[in-house]
C-alpha atoms as a PDB file:
ATOM      1  CA  MET A   1       2.566  44.094 204.741  1.00  0.00           C
ATOM      2  CA  THR A   2       3.655  45.451 208.107  1.00  0.00           C
ATOM      3  CA  ASP A   3       6.004  44.062 210.721  1.00  0.00           C
ATOM      4  CA  ASN A   4       3.841  45.505 213.512  1.00  0.00           C
ATOM      5  CA  PRO A   5       1.795  42.652 215.153  1.00  0.00           C
ATOM      6  CA  MET A   6      -0.572  45.219 216.658  1.00  0.00           C
ATOM      7  CA  ALA A   7      -1.686  46.118 213.168  1.00  0.00           C
ATOM      8  CA  LEU A   8      -2.879  42.551 212.642  1.00  0.00           C
ATOM      9  CA  GLU A   9      -4.765  42.565 215.924  1.00  0.00           C
ATOM     10  CA  ALA A  10      -6.414  45.866 215.110  1.00  0.00           C
ATOM     11  CA  ASP A  11      -7.437  44.429 211.784  1.00  0.00           C
ATOM     12  CA  GLY A  12      -9.215  41.473 213.466  1.00  0.00           C
ATOM     13  CA  GLY A  13      -6.424  38.897 213.309  1.00  0.00           C
ATOM     14  CA  SER A  14      -3.440  37.857 215.350  1.00  0.00           C
ATOM     15  CA  ALA A  15       0.041  36.560 214.860  1.00  0.00           C
ATOM     16  CA  GLY A  16      -0.066  33.314 212.942  1.00  0.00           C
ATOM     17  CA  GLU A  17      -3.454  34.039 211.256  1.00  0.00           C
ATOM     18  CA  THR A  18      -4.041  35.257 207.705  1.00  0.00           C
ATOM     19  CA  ALA A  19      -6.542  37.918 206.706  1.00  0.00           C
ATOM     20  CA  ASN A  20      -9.265  35.325 205.958  1.00  0.00           C
ATOM     21  CA  GLY A  21      -8.935  33.807 209.475  1.00  0.00           C
ATOM     22  CA  ALA A  22      -6.932  30.716 208.579  1.00  0.00           C
ATOM     23  CA  ASP A  23      -4.448  29.508 211.147  1.00  0.00           C
ATOM     24  CA  THR A  24      -0.857  29.605 209.881  1.00  0.00           C
ATOM     25  CA  GLY A  25       1.042  28.630 212.987  1.00  0.00           C
ATOM     26  CA  GLY A  26      -1.295  28.152 215.909  1.00  0.00           C
ATOM     27  CA  THR A  27       0.294  31.031 217.857  1.00  0.00           C
ATOM     28  CA  TRP A  28      -3.159  32.444 218.797  1.00  0.00           C
ATOM     29  CA  ARG A  29      -3.606  29.479 221.164  1.00  0.00           C
ATOM     30  CA  ASP A  30      -0.276  30.212 222.903  1.00  0.00           C
ATOM     31  CA  ALA A  31      -1.896  32.958 224.955  1.00  0.00           C
ATOM     32  CA  ILE A  32      -4.355  30.418 226.513  1.00  0.00           C
ATOM     33  CA  ALA A  33      -2.722  29.085 229.657  1.00  0.00           C
ATOM     34  CA  GLU A  34      -5.642  27.152 231.219  1.00  0.00           C
ATOM     35  CA  PRO A  35      -5.439  23.454 230.193  1.00  0.00           C
ATOM     36  CA  GLU A  36      -9.219  23.009 229.902  1.00  0.00           C
ATOM     37  CA  LEU A  37      -9.620  26.084 227.712  1.00  0.00           C
ATOM     38  CA  ARG A  38      -6.586  25.059 225.672  1.00  0.00           C
ATOM     39  CA  ARG A  39      -8.216  21.675 224.916  1.00  0.00           C
ATOM     40  CA  VAL A  40     -11.349  23.475 223.769  1.00  0.00           C
ATOM     41  CA  ALA A  41      -9.283  25.820 221.601  1.00  0.00           C
ATOM     42  CA  GLU A  42      -7.677  22.827 219.901  1.00  0.00           C
ATOM     43  CA  LYS A  43     -11.106  22.073 218.343  1.00  0.00           C
ATOM     44  CA  PHE A  44     -11.026  25.309 216.363  1.00  0.00           C
ATOM     45  CA  THR A  45      -8.779  26.366 213.530  1.00  0.00           C
ATOM     46  CA  SER A  46      -8.986  30.112 214.150  1.00  0.00           C
ATOM     47  CA  PRO A  47     -10.439  32.755 216.494  1.00  0.00           C
ATOM     48  CA  ARG A  48     -13.073  33.403 213.836  1.00  0.00           C
ATOM     49  CA  ASP A  49     -14.335  29.789 214.218  1.00  0.00           C
ATOM     50  CA  VAL A  50     -14.567  30.318 217.960  1.00  0.00           C
ATOM     51  CA  VAL A  51     -16.684  33.426 217.498  1.00  0.00           C
ATOM     52  CA  LYS A  52     -18.949  31.698 214.959  1.00  0.00           C
ATOM     53  CA  SER A  53     -19.463  28.756 217.332  1.00  0.00           C
ATOM     54  CA  TYR A  54     -20.279  31.112 220.194  1.00  0.00           C
ATOM     55  CA  ALA A  55     -22.802  33.007 218.042  1.00  0.00           C
ATOM     56  CA  ALA A  56     -24.501  29.731 217.077  1.00  0.00           C
ATOM     57  CA  LEU A  57     -24.667  28.720 220.731  1.00  0.00           C
ATOM     58  CA  GLN A  58     -26.271  32.007 221.670  1.00  0.00           C
ATOM     59  CA  SER A  59     -28.869  31.515 218.945  1.00  0.00           C
ATOM     60  CA  ARG A  60     -29.746  28.032 220.211  1.00  0.00           C
ATOM     61  CA  LEU A  61     -30.021  29.235 223.783  1.00  0.00           C
ATOM     62  CA  GLY A  62     -32.373  31.964 222.640  1.00  0.00           C
ATOM     63  CA  ARG A  63     -34.739  29.326 221.293  1.00  0.00           C
ATOM     64  CA  SER A  64     -34.378  26.936 224.232  1.00  0.00           C
ATOM     65  CA  VAL A  65     -36.931  26.461 227.023  1.00  0.00           C
ATOM     66  CA  VAL A  66     -35.117  26.639 230.318  1.00  0.00           C
ATOM     67  CA  LYS A  67     -36.879  25.249 233.357  1.00  0.00           C
ATOM     68  CA  PRO A  68     -36.989  27.796 236.161  1.00  0.00           C
ATOM     69  CA  GLY A  69     -35.204  26.981 239.382  1.00  0.00           C
ATOM     70  CA  PRO A  70     -36.918  26.419 242.719  1.00  0.00           C
ATOM     71  CA  ASP A  71     -36.601  30.105 243.600  1.00  0.00           C
ATOM     72  CA  ALA A  72     -38.139  31.352 240.341  1.00  0.00           C
ATOM     73  CA  SER A  73     -40.882  33.959 240.588  1.00  0.00           C
ATOM     74  CA  ALA A  74     -44.512  33.326 239.674  1.00  0.00           C
ATOM     75  CA  GLU A  75     -44.009  35.361 236.505  1.00  0.00           C
ATOM     76  CA  GLU A  76     -41.049  33.202 235.472  1.00  0.00           C
ATOM     77  CA  GLN A  77     -42.996  30.036 236.169  1.00  0.00           C
ATOM     78  CA  ALA A  78     -45.961  31.318 234.124  1.00  0.00           C
ATOM     79  CA  ALA A  79     -43.687  32.271 231.219  1.00  0.00           C
ATOM     80  CA  TYR A  80     -42.107  28.816 231.277  1.00  0.00           C
ATOM     81  CA  ARG A  81     -45.545  27.105 231.190  1.00  0.00           C
ATOM     82  CA  ARG A  82     -46.614  29.293 228.267  1.00  0.00           C
ATOM     83  CA  GLN A  83     -43.508  28.221 226.369  1.00  0.00           C
ATOM     84  CA  LEU A  84     -44.490  24.594 226.937  1.00  0.00           C
ATOM     85  CA  GLY A  85     -48.019  25.192 225.625  1.00  0.00           C
ATOM     86  CA  VAL A  86     -49.824  24.905 228.964  1.00  0.00           C
ATOM     87  CA  PRO A  87     -53.044  26.990 229.022  1.00  0.00           C
ATOM     88  CA  GLU A  88     -53.736  29.453 231.815  1.00  0.00           C
ATOM     89  CA  ASN A  89     -56.422  27.204 233.302  1.00  0.00           C
ATOM     90  CA  PRO A  90     -57.844  23.676 232.718  1.00  0.00           C
ATOM     91  CA  GLU A  91     -60.728  25.152 230.716  1.00  0.00           C
ATOM     92  CA  GLY A  92     -58.162  26.410 228.214  1.00  0.00           C
ATOM     93  CA  TYR A  93     -57.440  22.924 226.869  1.00  0.00           C
ATOM     94  CA  HIS A  94     -58.850  22.312 223.389  1.00  0.00           C
ATOM     95  CA  LEU A  95     -59.594  18.589 223.443  1.00  0.00           C
ATOM     96  CA  SER A  96     -61.625  16.395 221.118  1.00  0.00           C
ATOM     97  CA  LEU A  97     -62.854  12.804 221.103  1.00  0.00           C
ATOM     98  CA  PRO A  98     -61.348  10.451 218.500  1.00  0.00           C
ATOM     99  CA  GLU A  99     -63.156  10.372 215.164  1.00  0.00           C
ATOM    100  CA  GLY A 100     -65.512   7.461 214.693  1.00  0.00           C
ATOM    101  CA  LEU A 101     -65.884   6.819 218.430  1.00  0.00           C
ATOM    102  CA  PRO A 102     -68.974   4.597 218.950  1.00  0.00           C
ATOM    103  CA  GLU A 103     -71.884   6.233 220.731  1.00  0.00           C
ATOM    104  CA  SER A 104     -71.663   3.641 223.493  1.00  0.00           C
ATOM    105  CA  LEU A 105     -68.153   4.865 224.370  1.00  0.00           C
ATOM    106  CA  ARG A 106     -68.937   8.564 224.392  1.00  0.00           C
ATOM    107  CA  PRO A 107     -68.829   9.988 227.929  1.00  0.00           C
ATOM    108  CA  ASP A 108     -72.081  10.668 229.767  1.00  0.00           C
ATOM    109  CA  ALA A 109     -72.441  13.342 232.442  1.00  0.00           C
ATOM    110  CA  ALA A 110     -70.308  11.355 234.881  1.00  0.00           C
ATOM    111  CA  GLY A 111     -67.712  10.754 232.179  1.00  0.00           C
ATOM    112  CA  GLU A 112     -67.594  14.458 231.313  1.00  0.00           C
ATOM    113  CA  ALA A 113     -66.992  15.292 234.976  1.00  0.00           C
ATOM    114  CA  LEU A 114     -64.215  12.724 235.155  1.00  0.00           C
ATOM    115  CA  GLN A 115     -62.602  14.178 232.031  1.00  0.00           C
ATOM    116  CA  GLN A 116     -62.690  17.647 233.592  1.00  0.00           C
ATOM    117  CA  ASP A 117     -60.984  16.290 236.721  1.00  0.00           C
ATOM    118  CA  PHE A 118     -58.361  14.675 234.502  1.00  0.00           C
ATOM    119  CA  ALA A 119     -57.726  17.973 232.697  1.00  0.00           C
ATOM    120  CA  ALA A 120     -57.352  19.764 236.031  1.00  0.00           C
ATOM    121  CA  ALA A 121     -54.791  17.208 237.209  1.00  0.00           C
ATOM    122  CA  MET A 122     -52.848  17.475 233.949  1.00  0.00           C
ATOM    123  CA  HIS A 123     -52.887  21.262 234.168  1.00  0.00           C
ATOM    124  CA  GLU A 124     -51.471  21.132 237.668  1.00  0.00           C
ATOM    125  CA  ALA A 125     -48.735  18.815 236.407  1.00  0.00           C
ATOM    126  CA  GLY A 126     -47.877  21.284 233.625  1.00  0.00           C
ATOM    127  CA  ALA A 127     -48.976  19.149 230.683  1.00  0.00           C
ATOM    128  CA  SER A 128     -49.388  20.808 227.308  1.00  0.00           C
ATOM    129  CA  ASN A 129     -52.535  20.577 225.195  1.00  0.00           C
ATOM    130  CA  ALA A 130     -50.791  18.091 222.885  1.00  0.00           C
ATOM    131  CA  VAL A 131     -49.855  15.826 225.789  1.00  0.00           C
ATOM    132  CA  VAL A 132     -53.375  15.793 227.253  1.00  0.00           C
ATOM    133  CA  GLN A 133     -54.922  15.119 223.820  1.00  0.00           C
ATOM    134  CA  LYS A 134     -52.496  12.238 223.284  1.00  0.00           C
ATOM    135  CA  ALA A 135     -53.479  10.763 226.634  1.00  0.00           C
ATOM    136  CA  LEU A 136     -57.188  10.947 225.755  1.00  0.00           C
ATOM    137  CA  ASP A 137     -56.594   9.350 222.361  1.00  0.00           C
ATOM    138  CA  TRP A 138     -54.742   6.488 224.040  1.00  0.00           C
ATOM    139  CA  TYR A 139     -57.477   6.024 226.658  1.00  0.00           C
ATOM    140  CA  TYR A 140     -60.370   5.839 224.196  1.00  0.00           C
ATOM    141  CA  GLY A 141     -58.376   3.681 221.807  1.00  0.00           C
ATOM    142  CA  THR A 142     -57.594   1.193 224.564  1.00  0.00           C
ATOM    143  CA  LEU A 143     -61.185   1.329 225.826  1.00  0.00           C
ATOM    144  CA  GLY A 144     -62.524   0.575 222.347  1.00  0.00           C
ATOM    145  CA  GLN A 145     -60.209  -2.433 221.958  1.00  0.00           C
ATOM    146  CA  THR A 146     -61.271  -3.738 225.378  1.00  0.00           C
ATOM    147  CA  VAL A 147     -64.978  -3.446 224.575  1.00  0.00           C
ATOM    148  CA  GLU A 148     -64.523  -5.183 221.208  1.00  0.00           C
ATOM    149  CA  GLN A 149     -62.665  -8.021 222.892  1.00  0.00           C
ATOM    150  CA  GLN A 150     -65.381  -8.347 225.544  1.00  0.00           C
ATOM    151  CA  GLU A 151     -68.086  -8.479 222.886  1.00  0.00           C
ATOM    152  CA  ARG A 152     -66.241 -11.169 220.930  1.00  0.00           C
ATOM    153  CA  SER A 153     -65.696 -13.141 224.103  1.00  0.00           C
ATOM    154  CA  SER A 154     -69.371 -12.797 225.054  1.00  0.00           C
ATOM    155  CA  VAL A 155     -70.494 -14.142 221.673  1.00  0.00           C
ATOM    156  CA  GLU A 156     -68.096 -17.079 221.977  1.00  0.00           C
ATOM    157  CA  ARG A 157     -69.180 -17.898 225.534  1.00  0.00           C
ATOM    158  CA  ARG A 158     -72.868 -17.693 224.598  1.00  0.00           C
ATOM    159  CA  ALA A 159     -72.299 -20.069 221.690  1.00  0.00           C
ATOM    160  CA  GLU A 160     -70.427 -22.454 223.985  1.00  0.00           C
ATOM    161  CA  ALA A 161     -73.278 -22.317 226.525  1.00  0.00           C
ATOM    162  CA  GLU A 162     -75.889 -23.079 223.869  1.00  0.00           C
ATOM    163  CA  ALA A 163     -73.779 -25.907 222.448  1.00  0.00           C
ATOM    164  CA  SER A 164     -73.493 -27.386 225.945  1.00  0.00           C
ATOM    165  CA  LEU A 165     -77.275 -27.384 226.392  1.00  0.00           C
ATOM    166  CA  ARG A 166     -77.841 -28.888 222.950  1.00  0.00           C
ATOM    167  CA  HIS A 167     -75.331 -31.619 223.717  1.00  0.00           C
ATOM    168  CA  THR A 168     -76.997 -32.373 227.064  1.00  0.00           C
ATOM    169  CA  TRP A 169     -80.611 -32.225 225.888  1.00  0.00           C
ATOM    170  CA  GLY A 170     -80.313 -33.397 222.314  1.00  0.00           C
ATOM    171  CA  SER A 171     -83.687 -33.377 220.571  1.00  0.00           C
ATOM    172  CA  ASP A 172     -85.389 -32.109 223.757  1.00  0.00           C
ATOM    173  CA  HIS A 173     -83.480 -28.828 223.563  1.00  0.00           C
ATOM    174  CA  GLU A 174     -86.362 -26.633 222.387  1.00  0.00           C
ATOM    175  CA  ARG A 175     -88.878 -28.330 224.683  1.00  0.00           C
ATOM    176  CA  ASN A 176     -86.668 -27.782 227.725  1.00  0.00           C
ATOM    177  CA  LEU A 177     -86.040 -24.171 226.773  1.00  0.00           C
ATOM    178  CA  THR A 178     -89.796 -23.675 226.682  1.00  0.00           C
ATOM    179  CA  PHE A 179     -90.135 -25.140 230.165  1.00  0.00           C
ATOM    180  CA  ALA A 180     -87.405 -22.769 231.401  1.00  0.00           C
ATOM    181  CA  GLN A 181     -89.153 -19.800 229.782  1.00  0.00           C
ATOM    182  CA  ARG A 182     -92.438 -20.640 231.448  1.00  0.00           C
ATOM    183  CA  ALA A 183     -90.809 -20.951 234.879  1.00  0.00           C
ATOM    184  CA  VAL A 184     -89.097 -17.583 234.548  1.00  0.00           C
ATOM    185  CA  ARG A 185     -92.290 -15.959 233.287  1.00  0.00           C
ATOM    186  CA  ASP A 186     -94.354 -17.347 236.165  1.00  0.00           C
ATOM    187  CA  PHE A 187     -91.879 -16.587 238.965  1.00  0.00           C
ATOM    188  CA  GLY A 188     -90.053 -13.515 237.696  1.00  0.00           C
ATOM    189  CA  ASP A 189     -90.977  -9.946 236.866  1.00  0.00           C
ATOM    190  CA  ASP A 190     -89.480  -7.324 234.532  1.00  0.00           C
ATOM    191  CA  ASP A 191     -86.657  -6.583 236.964  1.00  0.00           C
ATOM    192  CA  PHE A 192     -85.780 -10.263 237.041  1.00  0.00           C
ATOM    193  CA  VAL A 193     -85.669 -10.420 233.247  1.00  0.00           C
ATOM    194  CA  THR A 194     -83.404  -7.335 233.230  1.00  0.00           C
ATOM    195  CA  LEU A 195     -81.136  -9.118 235.693  1.00  0.00           C
ATOM    196  CA  LEU A 196     -80.921 -12.127 233.383  1.00  0.00           C
ATOM    197  CA  GLU A 197     -80.014  -9.867 230.456  1.00  0.00           C
ATOM    198  CA  ASN A 198     -77.273  -7.891 232.225  1.00  0.00           C
ATOM    199  CA  GLN A 199     -75.558 -10.013 234.880  1.00  0.00           C
ATOM    200  CA  GLN A 200     -72.726 -12.327 233.888  1.00  0.00           C
ATOM    201  CA  ILE A 201     -71.267 -15.482 235.386  1.00  0.00           C
ATOM    202  CA  ASP A 202     -67.988 -16.740 233.958  1.00  0.00           C
ATOM    203  CA  GLY A 203     -68.417 -14.341 231.030  1.00  0.00           C
ATOM    204  CA  VAL A 204     -71.902 -15.668 230.171  1.00  0.00           C
ATOM    205  CA  MET A 205     -75.134 -13.742 230.690  1.00  0.00           C
ATOM    206  CA  LEU A 206     -77.116 -15.251 233.553  1.00  0.00           C
ATOM    207  CA  GLY A 207     -80.066 -15.973 231.260  1.00  0.00           C
ATOM    208  CA  ASP A 208     -77.750 -17.955 228.953  1.00  0.00           C
ATOM    209  CA  HIS A 209     -75.812 -19.859 231.600  1.00  0.00           C
ATOM    210  CA  PRO A 210     -76.366 -23.628 231.225  1.00  0.00           C
ATOM    211  CA  ALA A 211     -76.721 -24.192 234.978  1.00  0.00           C
ATOM    212  CA  PHE A 212     -79.416 -21.521 235.246  1.00  0.00           C
ATOM    213  CA  VAL A 213     -81.309 -22.689 232.164  1.00  0.00           C
ATOM    214  CA  ARG A 214     -81.187 -26.332 233.286  1.00  0.00           C
ATOM    215  CA  ALA A 215     -82.477 -25.413 236.732  1.00  0.00           C
ATOM    216  CA  PHE A 216     -85.420 -23.418 235.410  1.00  0.00           C
ATOM    217  CA  ALA A 217     -86.167 -26.071 232.815  1.00  0.00           C
ATOM    218  CA  ALA A 218     -86.503 -28.548 235.677  1.00  0.00           C
ATOM    219  CA  ILE A 219     -88.809 -26.129 237.502  1.00  0.00           C
ATOM    220  CA  GLY A 220     -90.872 -25.704 234.343  1.00  0.00           C
ATOM    221  CA  ARG A 221     -91.188 -29.447 233.879  1.00  0.00           C
ATOM    222  CA  ARG A 222     -92.304 -29.862 237.495  1.00  0.00           C
ATOM    223  CA  MET A 223     -94.895 -27.144 236.942  1.00  0.00           C
ATOM    224  CA  GLY A 224     -96.063 -29.028 233.848  1.00  0.00           C
ATOM    225  CA  GLU A 225     -96.719 -32.080 235.953  1.00  0.00           C
ATOM    226  CA  ASP A 226     -99.012 -30.106 238.262  1.00  0.00           C
ATOM    227  CA  GLN A 227    -100.941 -28.043 235.729  1.00  0.00           C
ATOM    228  CA  PRO A 228    -101.583 -28.003 231.986  1.00  0.00           C
ATOM    229  CA  LEU A 229     -99.467 -25.635 229.936  1.00  0.00           C
ATOM    230  CA  SER A 230    -102.521 -24.388 228.106  1.00  0.00           C
ATOM    231  CA  GLY A 231    -106.238 -24.996 227.899  1.00  0.00           C
ATOM    232  CA  GLU A 232    -106.494 -23.865 224.294  1.00  0.00           C
ATOM    233  CA  PRO A 233    -108.074 -26.752 222.333  1.00  0.00           C
ATOM    234  CA  LEU A 234    -106.977 -28.123 219.000  1.00  0.00           C
ATOM    235  CA  PRO A 235    -109.811 -29.485 216.809  1.00  0.00           C
ATOM    236  CA  GLY A 236    -110.199 -33.194 217.581  1.00  0.00           C
ATOM    237  CA  GLU A 237    -106.945 -33.380 219.597  1.00  0.00           C
ATOM    238  CA  GLY A 238    -107.639 -31.799 222.977  1.00  0.00           C
ATOM    239  CA  SER A 239    -105.143 -29.175 224.148  1.00  0.00           C
ATOM    240  CA  LEU A 240    -102.056 -27.732 222.519  1.00  0.00           C
ATOM    241  CA  GLN A 241     -99.971 -29.434 225.150  1.00  0.00           C
ATOM    242  CA  SER A 242    -101.443 -32.839 224.407  1.00  0.00           C
ATOM    243  CA  ARG A 243    -100.535 -32.433 220.752  1.00  0.00           C
ATOM    244  CA  ILE A 244     -97.013 -31.372 221.708  1.00  0.00           C
ATOM    245  CA  ASP A 245     -96.705 -34.387 223.995  1.00  0.00           C
ATOM    246  CA  SER A 246     -97.909 -36.724 221.260  1.00  0.00           C
ATOM    247  CA  LEU A 247     -95.348 -35.358 218.830  1.00  0.00           C
ATOM    248  CA  HIS A 248     -92.523 -35.675 221.362  1.00  0.00           C
ATOM    249  CA  ALA A 249     -93.617 -39.284 221.951  1.00  0.00           C
ATOM    250  CA  LEU A 250     -92.462 -39.971 218.407  1.00  0.00           C
ATOM    251  CA  GLN A 251     -88.864 -39.790 219.675  1.00  0.00           C
ATOM    252  CA  ASP A 252     -89.337 -43.342 220.955  1.00  0.00           C
ATOM    253  CA  SER A 253     -91.990 -44.745 218.631  1.00  0.00           C
ATOM    254  CA  ASP A 254     -90.878 -43.240 215.311  1.00  0.00           C
ATOM    255  CA  PRO A 255     -87.567 -41.303 215.575  1.00  0.00           C
ATOM    256  CA  ARG A 256     -87.321 -40.765 211.810  1.00  0.00           C
ATOM    257  CA  ARG A 257     -90.709 -39.069 211.696  1.00  0.00           C
ATOM    258  CA  TYR A 258     -89.926 -37.063 214.837  1.00  0.00           C
ATOM    259  CA  THR A 259     -86.805 -35.521 213.279  1.00  0.00           C
ATOM    260  CA  SER A 260     -88.581 -34.745 210.014  1.00  0.00           C
ATOM    261  CA  PRO A 261     -88.873 -31.047 209.053  1.00  0.00           C
ATOM    262  CA  ALA A 262     -92.680 -31.260 209.104  1.00  0.00           C
ATOM    263  CA  VAL A 263     -92.895 -32.470 212.710  1.00  0.00           C
ATOM    264  CA  GLN A 264     -90.240 -30.043 213.914  1.00  0.00           C
ATOM    265  CA  GLN A 265     -92.005 -27.134 212.209  1.00  0.00           C
ATOM    266  CA  GLU A 266     -95.311 -28.158 213.792  1.00  0.00           C
ATOM    267  CA  LEU A 267     -93.660 -28.263 217.186  1.00  0.00           C
ATOM    268  CA  ARG A 268     -92.280 -24.761 216.702  1.00  0.00           C
ATOM    269  CA  ASP A 269     -95.695 -23.518 215.663  1.00  0.00           C
ATOM    270  CA  LEU A 270     -97.354 -25.142 218.677  1.00  0.00           C
ATOM    271  CA  TYR A 271     -94.814 -23.687 221.088  1.00  0.00           C
ATOM    272  CA  GLY A 272     -95.293 -20.311 219.477  1.00  0.00           C
ATOM    273  CA  ARG A 273     -99.060 -20.506 219.947  1.00  0.00           C
ATOM    274  CA  LEU A 274     -98.628 -21.737 223.483  1.00  0.00           C
ATOM    275  CA  TYR A 275     -96.069 -19.258 224.787  1.00  0.00           C
ATOM    276  CA  GLY A 276     -95.866 -16.438 222.278  1.00  0.00           C
ATOM    277  CA  SER A 277     -92.524 -14.808 221.451  1.00  0.00           C
ATOM    278  CA  GLN A 278     -91.654 -12.707 224.493  1.00  0.00           C
ATOM    279  CA  PRO A 279     -87.962 -12.852 225.384  1.00  0.00           C
ATOM    280  CA  ILE A 280     -87.347 -14.616 228.646  1.00  0.00           C
ATOM    281  CA  VAL A 281     -84.373 -16.937 229.018  1.00  0.00           C
ATOM    282  CA  GLY A 282     -81.572 -18.451 226.996  1.00  0.00           C
ATOM    283  CA  SER A 283     -79.938 -16.850 223.969  1.00  0.00           C
ATOM    284  CA  GLU A 284     -82.030 -18.960 221.628  1.00  0.00           C
ATOM    285  CA  GLY A 285     -85.128 -18.605 223.765  1.00  0.00           C
ATOM    286  CA  ARG A 286     -84.886 -14.837 223.551  1.00  0.00           C
ATOM    287  CA  ARG A 287     -85.286 -15.080 219.822  1.00  0.00           C
ATOM    288  CA  LEU A 288     -88.416 -17.206 219.934  1.00  0.00           C
END
């Protein structure tokens, strides 16, 4: 062992530090006069720990992505975007639709164009491929939930509308639906039927809305007063309509017989022969 302190320094240590770097007296901190640096030095037990910490910091900085400043060159900006995973142009994004996406939710030509505009905006904002894909997944997931909720609501509203008509009309429900169908068929065309099938009021398709069906049922009944529904004869009983009228008359004369399955089935058969099964109005009427 030598009394020369310079020998320790040349050998990688200092006064107060052993050969393995352990601090024996803290004298290596005595040379640090700045208070801030001295407080930092107090966190380490030896100069070797300081060097190890600095080396670790350098390693982390080497792996870090540092955002360029406002005066950065185009090359620096491009390098930074590459580190983030931003492609060179919007066409460089590799995006996919969620698995199991219903055909009705898949984008058409207009939707594809909108998605391209979205990708261009995200590219300008410096979004990575992963970020843009996440945004698309969220959009289609939310869209799917919205459509499912709308479909459930539509089914519920249609059922409520039909229940309202049944409550109002009672046993005349099918007869009044038939009157409404005839009025729509006589006054409307294919475009009108399409309108009934696609336009909604209060969440109910126009062709199912109780107010609409009641109005056209009234029109159909008024038409029935002016002209026969059909001239097709039934053997020994005149027209189909006369037979229908005679059966409906049972509501007053013989209610039990009127509500019997046999009479109700005959009425359905007569209406089917009279009007066919083309879809016109009302959720139930469209199934006739």
